[in-house]
Amino acid sequence: MRKEVAFKNRDRFIQLGIAIASLRKLRGMSQEALAEKAGISRSLLSVIEAPNTANSFSLETLYDIADALDVSPSDLITASLFPDNIIKKE
């Protein structure tokens, strides 16, 4: 059961989802591959990454996704553009 996102945080969740999707694509990963590596369902990842929708998710899920992408959670939260050292990790 997902908690409704407060309007004041709506854009933050959307930006976070976009950052996750962007870095996943830069890493050459499918949603299925990232979801499996993070230990979450592909459908949850799809909901998180969905543009123009704000869906809350747990910090544990954020940590799992960040670990799977080999990046710190704070980099995902503050991302607008990723620096080269994050983009070029394999």
Protein backbone atom coordinates (compact mmCIF):
# COMPACT_ATOMS: atom_id res chain seq x y z
CA MET A 1 0.00 0.00 0.00
CA ARG A 2 1.52 3.28 -1.12
CA LYS A 3 1.17 6.47 0.83
CA GLU A 4 -0.16 9.51 -1.02
CA VAL A 5 2.60 11.97 -1.89
CA ALA A 6 2.08 15.44 -0.45
CA PHE A 7 1.82 18.10 -3.13
CA LYS A 8 4.92 19.86 -1.77
CA ASN A 9 6.98 16.70 -2.40
CA ARG A 10 5.44 15.75 -5.73
CA ASP A 11 8.20 17.22 -7.90
CA ARG A 12 10.87 15.70 -5.68
CA PHE A 13 9.56 12.18 -6.20
CA ILE A 14 9.19 12.77 -9.94
CA GLN A 15 12.78 14.04 -10.19
CA LEU A 16 14.03 11.09 -8.17
CA GLY A 17 12.27 8.66 -10.49
CA ILE A 18 13.73 10.41 -13.53
CA ALA A 19 17.22 10.30 -12.00
CA ILE A 20 16.89 6.56 -11.34
CA ALA A 21 15.62 5.87 -14.86
CA SER A 22 18.32 8.03 -16.45
CA LEU A 23 21.18 6.41 -14.58
CA ARG A 24 19.75 2.94 -15.18
CA LYS A 25 19.72 3.63 -18.93
CA LEU A 26 23.23 5.12 -18.84
CA ARG A 27 24.37 1.91 -17.15
CA GLY A 28 22.76 -0.09 -19.96
CA MET A 29 20.37 -1.87 -17.62
CA SER A 30 16.80 -2.89 -18.29
CA GLN A 31 14.14 -2.36 -15.66
CA GLU A 32 14.11 -6.11 -15.13
CA ALA A 33 17.87 -6.22 -14.53
CA LEU A 34 17.88 -3.31 -12.08
CA ALA A 35 14.83 -4.60 -10.23
CA GLU A 36 16.41 -8.03 -9.84
CA LYS A 37 19.72 -6.58 -8.66
CA ALA A 38 17.89 -4.31 -6.18
CA GLY A 39 15.64 -7.10 -4.95
CA ILE A 40 12.41 -5.34 -5.90
CA SER A 41 9.71 -6.10 -8.44
CA ARG A 42 9.92 -4.71 -11.94
CA SER A 43 6.43 -3.29 -11.52
CA LEU A 44 7.54 -1.28 -8.47
CA LEU A 45 10.53 0.08 -10.37
CA SER A 46 8.25 0.98 -13.26
CA VAL A 47 5.99 2.93 -10.90
CA ILE A 48 8.97 4.73 -9.34
CA GLU A 49 10.39 5.69 -12.75
CA ALA A 50 7.07 6.68 -14.31
CA PRO A 51 7.31 10.29 -15.51
CA ASN A 52 4.60 12.76 -14.50
CA THR A 53 3.51 10.64 -11.55
CA ALA A 54 4.65 10.89 -7.97
CA ASN A 55 4.75 7.66 -6.01
CA SER A 56 6.28 7.34 -2.59
CA PHE A 57 8.51 4.43 -1.69
CA SER A 58 10.59 3.43 1.30
CA LEU A 59 14.11 4.49 2.15
CA GLU A 60 15.04 0.83 2.12
CA THR A 61 13.95 0.65 -1.53
CA LEU A 62 15.94 3.80 -2.31
CA TYR A 63 19.03 2.28 -0.66
CA ASP A 64 18.58 -0.99 -2.57
CA ILE A 65 18.24 0.83 -5.90
CA ALA A 66 21.25 3.03 -5.16
CA ASP A 67 23.35 -0.02 -4.23
CA ALA A 68 22.28 -1.77 -7.43
CA LEU A 69 23.31 1.30 -9.45
CA ASP A 70 26.57 1.61 -7.47
CA VAL A 71 25.84 5.15 -6.38
CA SER A 72 25.03 6.80 -3.07
CA PRO A 73 21.37 7.51 -2.31
CA SER A 74 22.24 11.18 -1.85
CA ASP A 75 23.53 11.34 -5.43
CA LEU A 76 20.16 10.13 -6.67
CA ILE A 77 18.28 12.59 -4.48
CA THR A 78 20.33 15.60 -5.51
CA ALA A 79 20.83 14.61 -9.14
CA SER A 80 20.03 16.92 -11.96
CA LEU A 81 23.06 15.94 -14.01
CA PHE A 82 25.44 13.23 -12.95
CA PRO A 83 29.18 13.92 -12.87
CA ASP A 84 31.44 11.78 -15.07
CA ASN A 85 32.67 9.62 -12.18
CA ILE A 86 29.12 8.34 -11.65
CA ILE A 87 28.16 7.99 -15.33
CA LYS A 88 31.29 6.01 -16.26
CA LYS A 89 31.07 3.36 -13.52
CA GLU A 90 30.58 -0.11 -14.97
